[in-house]
N, C-alpha and C. Protein backbone atom coordinates (compact mmCIF):
# COMPACT_ATOMS: atom_id res chain seq x y z
N MET A 1 2.57 27.06 -20.32
CA MET A 1 1.94 25.75 -20.46
C MET A 1 0.43 25.93 -20.29
N GLY A 2 -0.33 25.49 -21.27
CA GLY A 2 -1.77 25.65 -21.24
C GLY A 2 -2.44 24.61 -20.35
N LEU A 3 -3.72 24.84 -20.13
CA LEU A 3 -4.50 23.93 -19.30
C LEU A 3 -4.50 22.51 -19.87
N GLU A 4 -4.59 22.40 -21.19
CA GLU A 4 -4.62 21.07 -21.81
C GLU A 4 -3.33 20.30 -21.53
N ARG A 5 -2.19 21.00 -21.66
CA ARG A 5 -0.90 20.34 -21.39
C ARG A 5 -0.78 19.96 -19.93
N LEU A 6 -1.22 20.84 -19.04
CA LEU A 6 -1.16 20.55 -17.61
C LEU A 6 -2.02 19.33 -17.27
N LEU A 7 -3.22 19.28 -17.81
CA LEU A 7 -4.08 18.12 -17.56
C LEU A 7 -3.49 16.84 -18.15
N PHE A 8 -2.81 16.97 -19.29
CA PHE A 8 -2.17 15.80 -19.89
C PHE A 8 -1.05 15.29 -18.98
N VAL A 9 -0.24 16.19 -18.42
CA VAL A 9 0.84 15.79 -17.50
C VAL A 9 0.25 15.14 -16.25
N PHE A 10 -0.80 15.75 -15.69
CA PHE A 10 -1.48 15.13 -14.55
C PHE A 10 -2.01 13.75 -14.93
N GLY A 11 -2.56 13.66 -16.14
CA GLY A 11 -3.10 12.39 -16.61
C GLY A 11 -2.05 11.30 -16.66
N LEU A 12 -0.84 11.65 -17.08
CA LEU A 12 0.25 10.66 -17.11
C LEU A 12 0.57 10.16 -15.70
N GLY A 13 0.62 11.08 -14.74
CA GLY A 13 0.88 10.67 -13.35
C GLY A 13 -0.23 9.79 -12.81
N PHE A 14 -1.47 10.16 -13.07
CA PHE A 14 -2.59 9.35 -12.61
C PHE A 14 -2.68 8.02 -13.35
N LEU A 15 -2.25 7.99 -14.62
CA LEU A 15 -2.20 6.73 -15.35
C LEU A 15 -1.23 5.76 -14.66
N ALA A 16 -0.07 6.27 -14.26
CA ALA A 16 0.89 5.43 -13.55
C ALA A 16 0.29 4.91 -12.24
N ALA A 17 -0.42 5.77 -11.52
CA ALA A 17 -1.05 5.35 -10.26
C ALA A 17 -2.16 4.32 -10.52
N ASP A 18 -2.92 4.51 -11.60
CA ASP A 18 -3.98 3.55 -11.95
C ASP A 18 -3.38 2.18 -12.28
N ILE A 19 -2.31 2.19 -13.08
CA ILE A 19 -1.67 0.93 -13.45
C ILE A 19 -1.11 0.24 -12.22
N ARG A 20 -0.49 1.01 -11.33
CA ARG A 20 0.05 0.43 -10.09
C ARG A 20 -1.05 -0.21 -9.25
N ALA A 21 -2.20 0.44 -9.16
CA ALA A 21 -3.31 -0.11 -8.39
C ALA A 21 -3.81 -1.43 -8.98
N VAL A 22 -3.92 -1.49 -10.30
CA VAL A 22 -4.37 -2.73 -10.95
C VAL A 22 -3.34 -3.84 -10.77
N VAL A 23 -2.07 -3.54 -10.95
CA VAL A 23 -1.01 -4.54 -10.78
C VAL A 23 -1.00 -5.05 -9.35
N ASN A 24 -1.08 -4.14 -8.37
CA ASN A 24 -1.11 -4.56 -6.96
C ASN A 24 -2.31 -5.47 -6.69
N HIS A 25 -3.44 -5.15 -7.27
CA HIS A 25 -4.62 -5.99 -7.02
C HIS A 25 -4.47 -7.37 -7.67
N LEU A 26 -3.88 -7.43 -8.84
CA LEU A 26 -3.63 -8.73 -9.48
C LEU A 26 -2.64 -9.55 -8.65
N LEU A 27 -1.59 -8.90 -8.14
CA LEU A 27 -0.63 -9.60 -7.28
C LEU A 27 -1.29 -10.07 -5.99
N TYR A 28 -2.20 -9.27 -5.46
CA TYR A 28 -2.94 -9.66 -4.26
C TYR A 28 -3.74 -10.94 -4.52
N TRP A 29 -4.41 -11.01 -5.66
CA TRP A 29 -5.20 -12.20 -5.96
C TRP A 29 -4.30 -13.43 -6.15
N ARG A 30 -3.10 -13.21 -6.65
CA ARG A 30 -2.16 -14.32 -6.81
C ARG A 30 -1.64 -14.79 -5.44
N ARG A 31 -1.40 -13.86 -4.53
CA ARG A 31 -0.85 -14.20 -3.21
C ARG A 31 -1.92 -14.58 -2.19
N ARG A 32 -3.15 -14.31 -2.48
CA ARG A 32 -4.25 -14.51 -1.53
C ARG A 32 -4.35 -15.94 -0.99
N PRO A 33 -4.15 -16.98 -1.80
CA PRO A 33 -4.25 -18.34 -1.24
C PRO A 33 -3.19 -18.64 -0.18
N GLY A 34 -2.08 -17.89 -0.16
CA GLY A 34 -1.02 -18.14 0.81
C GLY A 34 -1.11 -17.29 2.06
N ARG A 35 -2.30 -16.81 2.40
CA ARG A 35 -2.47 -15.96 3.58
C ARG A 35 -2.13 -16.72 4.85
N LEU A 36 -1.34 -16.08 5.71
CA LEU A 36 -1.04 -16.65 7.02
C LEU A 36 -1.90 -15.98 8.10
N LEU A 37 -1.93 -14.66 8.08
CA LEU A 37 -2.72 -13.89 9.04
C LEU A 37 -3.01 -12.54 8.39
N THR A 38 -4.26 -12.29 8.05
CA THR A 38 -4.62 -11.05 7.36
C THR A 38 -5.85 -10.42 7.99
N TRP A 39 -6.07 -9.16 7.66
CA TRP A 39 -7.23 -8.42 8.13
C TRP A 39 -7.57 -7.35 7.10
N PRO A 40 -8.82 -6.88 7.11
CA PRO A 40 -9.21 -5.86 6.14
C PRO A 40 -8.43 -4.56 6.35
N ALA A 41 -8.13 -3.89 5.27
CA ALA A 41 -7.43 -2.62 5.35
C ALA A 41 -8.35 -1.56 5.93
N PRO A 42 -7.81 -0.68 6.75
CA PRO A 42 -8.65 0.43 7.24
C PRO A 42 -8.92 1.41 6.10
N TYR A 43 -10.01 2.12 6.21
CA TYR A 43 -10.30 3.13 5.19
C TYR A 43 -9.25 4.23 5.26
N PRO A 44 -8.78 4.68 4.10
CA PRO A 44 -7.80 5.77 4.12
C PRO A 44 -8.46 7.06 4.60
N PRO A 45 -7.64 8.00 5.08
CA PRO A 45 -8.22 9.29 5.49
C PRO A 45 -8.93 9.94 4.31
N PHE A 46 -10.05 10.54 4.58
CA PHE A 46 -10.82 11.27 3.57
C PHE A 46 -11.28 10.37 2.42
N PHE A 47 -11.58 9.12 2.73
CA PHE A 47 -12.03 8.17 1.70
C PHE A 47 -13.29 8.66 1.01
N SER A 48 -14.25 9.14 1.79
CA SER A 48 -15.51 9.64 1.21
C SER A 48 -15.25 10.83 0.31
N LEU A 49 -14.35 11.71 0.74
CA LEU A 49 -14.03 12.88 -0.07
C LEU A 49 -13.41 12.47 -1.40
N GLN A 50 -12.57 11.44 -1.38
CA GLN A 50 -11.96 10.96 -2.62
C GLN A 50 -13.02 10.43 -3.59
N LEU A 51 -14.02 9.72 -3.04
CA LEU A 51 -15.10 9.23 -3.90
C LEU A 51 -15.94 10.37 -4.45
N ILE A 52 -16.15 11.41 -3.64
CA ILE A 52 -16.90 12.58 -4.10
C ILE A 52 -16.13 13.28 -5.22
N ILE A 53 -14.81 13.40 -5.06
CA ILE A 53 -13.99 14.00 -6.11
C ILE A 53 -14.12 13.20 -7.40
N GLY A 54 -14.11 11.87 -7.29
CA GLY A 54 -14.29 11.03 -8.47
C GLY A 54 -15.62 11.26 -9.14
N GLY A 55 -16.68 11.36 -8.35
CA GLY A 55 -18.01 11.62 -8.91
C GLY A 55 -18.07 12.97 -9.61
N LEU A 56 -17.47 13.99 -8.99
CA LEU A 56 -17.46 15.32 -9.61
C LEU A 56 -16.64 15.32 -10.90
N LEU A 57 -15.55 14.58 -10.92
CA LEU A 57 -14.77 14.47 -12.16
C LEU A 57 -15.59 13.79 -13.25
N GLY A 58 -16.38 12.79 -12.88
CA GLY A 58 -17.26 12.14 -13.86
C GLY A 58 -18.28 13.11 -14.42
N LEU A 59 -18.85 13.94 -13.56
CA LEU A 59 -19.81 14.94 -14.04
C LEU A 59 -19.12 15.97 -14.94
N LEU A 60 -17.91 16.37 -14.56
CA LEU A 60 -17.15 17.32 -15.38
C LEU A 60 -16.85 16.73 -16.76
N MET A 61 -16.47 15.46 -16.79
CA MET A 61 -16.19 14.81 -18.08
C MET A 61 -17.46 14.74 -18.93
N ALA A 62 -18.59 14.38 -18.31
CA ALA A 62 -19.84 14.30 -19.05
C ALA A 62 -20.22 15.67 -19.60
N TYR A 63 -20.08 16.71 -18.80
CA TYR A 63 -20.38 18.06 -19.26
C TYR A 63 -19.47 18.44 -20.43
N ASN A 64 -18.18 18.18 -20.28
CA ASN A 64 -17.24 18.53 -21.35
C ASN A 64 -17.53 17.77 -22.64
N LEU A 65 -17.91 16.52 -22.53
CA LEU A 65 -18.22 15.73 -23.73
C LEU A 65 -19.51 16.18 -24.40
N LEU A 66 -20.51 16.56 -23.60
CA LEU A 66 -21.81 16.91 -24.15
C LEU A 66 -21.92 18.37 -24.59
N PHE A 67 -21.32 19.29 -23.84
CA PHE A 67 -21.58 20.70 -24.09
C PHE A 67 -20.37 21.54 -24.47
N ARG A 68 -19.19 20.97 -24.41
CA ARG A 68 -17.98 21.74 -24.69
C ARG A 68 -17.11 20.97 -25.66
N VAL A 69 -16.43 21.68 -26.50
CA VAL A 69 -15.45 21.05 -27.37
C VAL A 69 -14.14 21.06 -26.59
N THR A 70 -13.64 19.86 -26.26
CA THR A 70 -12.40 19.76 -25.47
C THR A 70 -11.38 18.95 -26.25
N SER A 71 -10.14 19.17 -25.89
CA SER A 71 -9.06 18.44 -26.56
C SER A 71 -8.94 17.03 -25.96
N ALA A 72 -8.29 16.18 -26.72
CA ALA A 72 -8.05 14.81 -26.24
C ALA A 72 -7.14 14.82 -25.01
N GLU A 73 -6.19 15.77 -24.96
CA GLU A 73 -5.29 15.86 -23.81
C GLU A 73 -6.07 16.16 -22.53
N GLU A 74 -7.02 17.08 -22.64
CA GLU A 74 -7.83 17.45 -21.48
C GLU A 74 -8.68 16.27 -21.01
N LEU A 75 -9.32 15.60 -21.96
CA LEU A 75 -10.15 14.44 -21.60
C LEU A 75 -9.31 13.31 -21.02
N PHE A 76 -8.10 13.12 -21.55
CA PHE A 76 -7.21 12.10 -21.01
C PHE A 76 -6.89 12.38 -19.54
N GLY A 77 -6.50 13.61 -19.24
CA GLY A 77 -6.17 13.97 -17.86
C GLY A 77 -7.36 13.80 -16.93
N GLU A 78 -8.51 14.30 -17.36
CA GLU A 78 -9.71 14.16 -16.53
C GLU A 78 -10.09 12.69 -16.37
N GLY A 79 -9.97 11.92 -17.44
CA GLY A 79 -10.33 10.50 -17.38
C GLY A 79 -9.43 9.70 -16.45
N MET A 80 -8.14 9.97 -16.47
CA MET A 80 -7.22 9.25 -15.58
C MET A 80 -7.46 9.60 -14.12
N MET A 81 -7.76 10.88 -13.85
CA MET A 81 -8.09 11.27 -12.48
C MET A 81 -9.41 10.63 -12.04
N PHE A 82 -10.39 10.60 -12.95
CA PHE A 82 -11.67 9.95 -12.66
C PHE A 82 -11.46 8.47 -12.31
N LEU A 83 -10.67 7.77 -13.13
CA LEU A 83 -10.41 6.35 -12.85
C LEU A 83 -9.70 6.16 -11.51
N TYR A 84 -8.77 7.05 -11.20
CA TYR A 84 -8.04 6.92 -9.95
C TYR A 84 -8.98 7.04 -8.76
N TYR A 85 -9.78 8.09 -8.73
CA TYR A 85 -10.62 8.34 -7.55
C TYR A 85 -11.82 7.41 -7.45
N THR A 86 -12.34 6.92 -8.58
CA THR A 86 -13.52 6.05 -8.51
C THR A 86 -13.19 4.57 -8.57
N TYR A 87 -11.99 4.21 -9.05
CA TYR A 87 -11.66 2.81 -9.22
C TYR A 87 -10.41 2.40 -8.45
N ALA A 88 -9.31 3.13 -8.63
CA ALA A 88 -8.04 2.72 -8.03
C ALA A 88 -8.06 2.85 -6.50
N VAL A 89 -8.61 3.93 -5.98
CA VAL A 89 -8.65 4.11 -4.51
C VAL A 89 -9.48 3.01 -3.84
N PRO A 90 -10.71 2.74 -4.31
CA PRO A 90 -11.46 1.63 -3.69
C PRO A 90 -10.80 0.26 -3.91
N LEU A 91 -10.15 0.07 -5.05
CA LEU A 91 -9.48 -1.20 -5.33
C LEU A 91 -8.33 -1.43 -4.34
N ALA A 92 -7.56 -0.39 -4.07
CA ALA A 92 -6.45 -0.51 -3.12
C ALA A 92 -6.96 -0.82 -1.71
N HIS A 93 -8.13 -0.32 -1.37
CA HIS A 93 -8.71 -0.57 -0.06
C HIS A 93 -9.13 -2.04 0.12
N ARG A 94 -9.39 -2.74 -0.95
CA ARG A 94 -9.84 -4.13 -0.87
C ARG A 94 -8.72 -5.13 -0.60
N ILE A 95 -7.47 -4.69 -0.65
CA ILE A 95 -6.35 -5.59 -0.41
C ILE A 95 -6.18 -5.79 1.09
N ASP A 96 -6.30 -7.03 1.54
CA ASP A 96 -6.13 -7.34 2.96
C ASP A 96 -4.68 -7.12 3.37
N ARG A 97 -4.49 -6.50 4.52
CA ARG A 97 -3.15 -6.27 5.06
C ARG A 97 -2.77 -7.47 5.92
N GLY A 98 -1.46 -7.69 6.08
CA GLY A 98 -1.02 -8.74 6.97
C GLY A 98 0.08 -9.61 6.39
N LEU A 99 0.16 -10.83 6.91
CA LEU A 99 1.25 -11.75 6.60
C LEU A 99 0.78 -12.81 5.60
N TYR A 100 1.58 -12.94 4.55
CA TYR A 100 1.30 -13.90 3.48
C TYR A 100 2.46 -14.89 3.40
N GLY A 101 2.34 -15.89 2.58
CA GLY A 101 3.38 -16.89 2.44
C GLY A 101 4.70 -16.34 1.96
N GLU A 102 4.68 -15.30 1.11
CA GLU A 102 5.90 -14.74 0.53
C GLU A 102 6.37 -13.46 1.20
N GLY A 103 5.51 -12.82 1.99
CA GLY A 103 5.90 -11.55 2.57
C GLY A 103 4.77 -10.89 3.33
N VAL A 104 4.92 -9.59 3.55
CA VAL A 104 3.98 -8.81 4.34
C VAL A 104 3.37 -7.74 3.45
N TRP A 105 2.02 -7.64 3.48
CA TRP A 105 1.36 -6.56 2.76
C TRP A 105 1.18 -5.43 3.75
N THR A 106 1.97 -4.37 3.59
CA THR A 106 1.96 -3.23 4.51
C THR A 106 0.97 -2.18 4.02
N ASP A 107 0.95 -1.05 4.73
CA ASP A 107 0.05 0.03 4.35
C ASP A 107 0.42 0.62 2.99
N LEU A 108 1.68 0.48 2.57
CA LEU A 108 2.12 1.06 1.29
C LEU A 108 2.43 0.04 0.22
N GLY A 109 2.29 -1.23 0.50
CA GLY A 109 2.56 -2.23 -0.52
C GLY A 109 3.17 -3.49 0.05
N PHE A 110 3.58 -4.37 -0.84
CA PHE A 110 4.06 -5.69 -0.46
C PHE A 110 5.57 -5.67 -0.24
N VAL A 111 6.02 -6.36 0.83
CA VAL A 111 7.44 -6.49 1.14
C VAL A 111 7.74 -7.97 1.28
N ARG A 112 8.67 -8.46 0.51
CA ARG A 112 9.07 -9.88 0.60
C ARG A 112 9.87 -10.11 1.87
N TYR A 113 9.75 -11.31 2.43
CA TYR A 113 10.46 -11.63 3.66
C TYR A 113 11.97 -11.49 3.50
N ARG A 114 12.49 -11.87 2.34
CA ARG A 114 13.94 -11.84 2.15
C ARG A 114 14.51 -10.43 2.15
N SER A 115 13.67 -9.42 1.96
CA SER A 115 14.17 -8.04 1.96
C SER A 115 14.02 -7.35 3.31
N ILE A 116 13.47 -8.06 4.30
CA ILE A 116 13.30 -7.48 5.65
C ILE A 116 14.58 -7.70 6.45
N GLY A 117 15.14 -6.61 6.97
CA GLY A 117 16.37 -6.70 7.76
C GLY A 117 16.17 -6.48 9.24
N ALA A 118 15.11 -5.76 9.60
CA ALA A 118 14.84 -5.49 11.02
C ALA A 118 13.35 -5.32 11.22
N VAL A 119 12.90 -5.69 12.42
CA VAL A 119 11.49 -5.61 12.77
C VAL A 119 11.39 -4.97 14.15
N THR A 120 10.47 -4.04 14.29
CA THR A 120 10.21 -3.47 15.60
C THR A 120 8.75 -3.03 15.66
N TRP A 121 8.30 -2.72 16.86
CA TRP A 121 6.92 -2.31 17.08
C TRP A 121 6.91 -0.89 17.63
N ARG A 122 5.88 -0.16 17.28
CA ARG A 122 5.65 1.16 17.84
C ARG A 122 4.22 1.18 18.37
N GLU A 123 4.08 1.65 19.59
CA GLU A 123 2.76 1.69 20.21
C GLU A 123 2.06 2.99 19.81
N GLU A 124 0.93 2.85 19.17
CA GLU A 124 0.06 3.97 18.83
C GLU A 124 -1.35 3.56 19.25
N GLU A 125 -2.37 4.14 18.64
CA GLU A 125 -3.74 3.72 18.97
C GLU A 125 -3.88 2.22 18.76
N ASP A 126 -3.42 1.74 17.62
CA ASP A 126 -3.24 0.31 17.36
C ASP A 126 -1.75 0.10 17.23
N PRO A 127 -1.25 -1.10 17.57
CA PRO A 127 0.19 -1.34 17.40
C PRO A 127 0.59 -1.20 15.93
N VAL A 128 1.80 -0.71 15.71
CA VAL A 128 2.31 -0.54 14.35
C VAL A 128 3.58 -1.36 14.21
N LEU A 129 3.59 -2.26 13.24
CA LEU A 129 4.78 -3.05 12.93
C LEU A 129 5.61 -2.26 11.93
N LEU A 130 6.89 -2.06 12.26
CA LEU A 130 7.81 -1.37 11.36
C LEU A 130 8.79 -2.39 10.80
N LEU A 131 8.89 -2.43 9.50
CA LEU A 131 9.77 -3.37 8.80
C LEU A 131 10.84 -2.57 8.08
N ALA A 132 12.10 -2.75 8.48
CA ALA A 132 13.20 -2.04 7.84
C ALA A 132 13.80 -2.92 6.75
N SER A 133 14.16 -2.28 5.67
CA SER A 133 14.75 -2.98 4.54
C SER A 133 16.16 -3.48 4.87
N ARG A 134 16.56 -4.58 4.27
CA ARG A 134 17.92 -5.09 4.45
C ARG A 134 18.95 -4.11 3.93
N SER A 135 18.59 -3.38 2.90
CA SER A 135 19.52 -2.40 2.32
C SER A 135 19.61 -1.13 3.16
N GLY A 136 18.72 -1.00 4.14
CA GLY A 136 18.77 0.13 5.05
C GLY A 136 18.12 1.40 4.54
N GLY A 137 17.53 1.38 3.37
CA GLY A 137 16.99 2.59 2.79
C GLY A 137 15.59 2.96 3.23
N THR A 138 14.72 1.98 3.39
CA THR A 138 13.32 2.28 3.64
C THR A 138 12.78 1.46 4.80
N ALA A 139 11.70 1.96 5.36
CA ALA A 139 10.95 1.22 6.38
C ALA A 139 9.48 1.29 5.99
N ARG A 140 8.78 0.23 6.22
CA ARG A 140 7.34 0.17 5.91
C ARG A 140 6.56 -0.03 7.19
N ARG A 141 5.36 0.53 7.22
CA ARG A 141 4.47 0.46 8.38
C ARG A 141 3.32 -0.51 8.09
N LEU A 142 2.91 -1.19 9.13
CA LEU A 142 1.72 -2.03 9.06
C LEU A 142 0.95 -1.86 10.36
N ARG A 143 -0.21 -1.23 10.27
CA ARG A 143 -1.06 -1.10 11.45
C ARG A 143 -1.72 -2.44 11.71
N VAL A 144 -1.56 -2.93 12.93
CA VAL A 144 -2.09 -4.24 13.31
C VAL A 144 -3.25 -4.01 14.27
N PRO A 145 -4.42 -4.58 14.00
CA PRO A 145 -5.53 -4.44 14.94
C PRO A 145 -5.14 -5.03 16.30
N GLY A 146 -5.52 -4.33 17.36
CA GLY A 146 -5.16 -4.74 18.72
C GLY A 146 -5.40 -6.22 19.03
N PRO A 147 -6.57 -6.77 18.68
CA PRO A 147 -6.82 -8.18 18.99
C PRO A 147 -5.90 -9.16 18.25
N LEU A 148 -5.26 -8.72 17.16
CA LEU A 148 -4.37 -9.59 16.39
C LEU A 148 -2.89 -9.37 16.69
N TYR A 149 -2.60 -8.51 17.66
CA TYR A 149 -1.22 -8.18 17.99
C TYR A 149 -0.43 -9.42 18.41
N GLY A 150 -0.95 -10.21 19.35
CA GLY A 150 -0.26 -11.40 19.84
C GLY A 150 -0.08 -12.44 18.74
N ALA A 151 -1.11 -12.66 17.95
CA ALA A 151 -1.02 -13.64 16.86
C ALA A 151 0.01 -13.20 15.82
N THR A 152 0.06 -11.91 15.55
CA THR A 152 1.03 -11.40 14.57
C THR A 152 2.45 -11.61 15.08
N ARG A 153 2.68 -11.35 16.36
CA ARG A 153 4.01 -11.56 16.94
C ARG A 153 4.41 -13.03 16.87
N ARG A 154 3.46 -13.93 17.14
CA ARG A 154 3.76 -15.37 17.09
C ARG A 154 4.12 -15.81 15.66
N VAL A 155 3.34 -15.34 14.67
CA VAL A 155 3.62 -15.72 13.29
C VAL A 155 4.99 -15.18 12.86
N LEU A 156 5.30 -13.94 13.23
CA LEU A 156 6.60 -13.37 12.90
C LEU A 156 7.73 -14.16 13.55
N ARG A 157 7.54 -14.52 14.81
CA ARG A 157 8.56 -15.31 15.51
C ARG A 157 8.78 -16.65 14.81
N ASP A 158 7.70 -17.29 14.37
CA ASP A 158 7.82 -18.56 13.65
C ASP A 158 8.54 -18.37 12.31
N LEU A 159 8.28 -17.25 11.63
CA LEU A 159 8.94 -16.98 10.36
C LEU A 159 10.44 -16.76 10.55
N VAL A 160 10.82 -16.13 11.66
CA VAL A 160 12.25 -15.93 11.95
C VAL A 160 12.89 -17.27 12.29
N ARG A 161 12.21 -18.07 13.10
CA ARG A 161 12.76 -19.39 13.48
C ARG A 161 12.95 -20.28 12.26
N SER A 162 12.02 -20.21 11.31
CA SER A 162 12.11 -21.06 10.12
C SER A 162 13.14 -20.54 9.11
N GLY A 163 13.62 -19.32 9.32
CA GLY A 163 14.62 -18.76 8.42
C GLY A 163 14.04 -17.98 7.25
N GLN A 164 12.73 -17.86 7.17
CA GLN A 164 12.14 -17.07 6.08
C GLN A 164 12.47 -15.59 6.23
N ILE A 165 12.50 -15.11 7.47
CA ILE A 165 12.94 -13.75 7.76
C ILE A 165 14.27 -13.87 8.47
N GLN A 166 15.29 -13.24 7.91
CA GLN A 166 16.63 -13.27 8.51
C GLN A 166 16.96 -11.85 8.94
N LEU A 167 16.91 -11.62 10.25
CA LEU A 167 17.14 -10.29 10.79
C LEU A 167 18.63 -10.00 10.90
N LYS A 168 18.99 -8.76 10.59
CA LYS A 168 20.37 -8.32 10.74
C LYS A 168 20.60 -7.92 12.19
N ALA A 169 21.84 -8.06 12.65
CA ALA A 169 22.19 -7.64 14.01
C ALA A 169 22.08 -6.12 14.09
N GLY A 170 21.64 -5.63 15.25
CA GLY A 170 21.47 -4.19 15.44
C GLY A 170 22.79 -3.50 15.76
N GLY A 171 22.79 -2.20 15.65
CA GLY A 171 23.93 -1.38 16.02
C GLY A 171 25.17 -1.72 15.23
N LEU A 172 26.29 -1.85 15.94
CA LEU A 172 27.57 -2.16 15.29
C LEU A 172 27.81 -3.66 15.19
N GLY A 173 26.81 -4.44 15.54
CA GLY A 173 26.95 -5.88 15.45
C GLY A 173 27.85 -6.44 16.55
N LEU A 174 27.87 -5.77 17.72
CA LEU A 174 28.72 -6.22 18.82
C LEU A 174 28.04 -7.25 19.70
N GLY A 175 26.82 -7.64 19.33
CA GLY A 175 26.14 -8.70 20.05
C GLY A 175 25.44 -8.26 21.31
N GLU A 176 25.25 -6.94 21.50
CA GLU A 176 24.62 -6.47 22.72
C GLU A 176 23.13 -6.77 22.77
N LYS A 177 22.49 -7.00 21.63
CA LYS A 177 21.06 -7.27 21.61
C LYS A 177 20.73 -8.22 20.47
N ASP A 178 19.91 -9.19 20.76
CA ASP A 178 19.43 -10.12 19.74
C ASP A 178 18.26 -9.46 19.04
N PRO A 179 18.30 -9.28 17.70
CA PRO A 179 17.19 -8.60 17.01
C PRO A 179 15.86 -9.33 17.13
N ARG A 180 15.88 -10.60 17.48
CA ARG A 180 14.63 -11.34 17.63
C ARG A 180 13.88 -10.94 18.89
N GLU A 181 14.52 -10.19 19.79
CA GLU A 181 13.85 -9.74 21.00
C GLU A 181 12.72 -8.77 20.68
N ASP A 182 12.79 -8.09 19.53
CA ASP A 182 11.74 -7.16 19.15
C ASP A 182 10.46 -7.85 18.73
N LEU A 183 10.51 -9.15 18.50
CA LEU A 183 9.33 -9.88 18.10
C LEU A 183 8.56 -10.28 19.32
C-alpha cells in the first residue's frame, strides 16, 4: 500500500471525525436553549499540540500544492487531518458540558435521560459523574467543577423525582439499596 493510499484511508477516518464534530455542534446549538446547568468544557490534553499539528499540516499542504505534484488522494488525507486539528478539535471544545432539557452532555457526547440506567459519583480532583446505560453496555463520564457539585446533584435528584431519569435497581434487584441514594 503506497503513501497515497494510506493517506486516503486516514482521510476517510478523519472525514468521519470531522462530520461527527459538525453534527455534534449543530445538535448543541439546537439543545442550547434547554440548558439546565452547564459549564465550559475543559481543554483536552495536549490541546496546544493539536493546534500546532493542524498548523504544520496546513504548511505541508501549502508546500505540496505550490512546489510538489501530489495526488488527489494525498491532498484529501492531508486536508481532512488539517480540518480535524484546526477546526473539529476547537469546535468540540466549545460545547458546554452539563445537564440539558433532553439529556446530559458528557465528555464523550450527548446521552438522553431515557437511556440512563444508573448514576454514581467518583471522587477525583473534580467530582466525576458516571452515567451507565440502561442496556448495560457503556458508561459515560462527566467531570463536574467542584463548585457545581451540589447544584448538579440537586438537578439530577429533581430529574429522577420527575421521572425523566428512571434508574434501574442495583444488583439482583433484591431491594437492598435504592439507586437514588447515589444522587
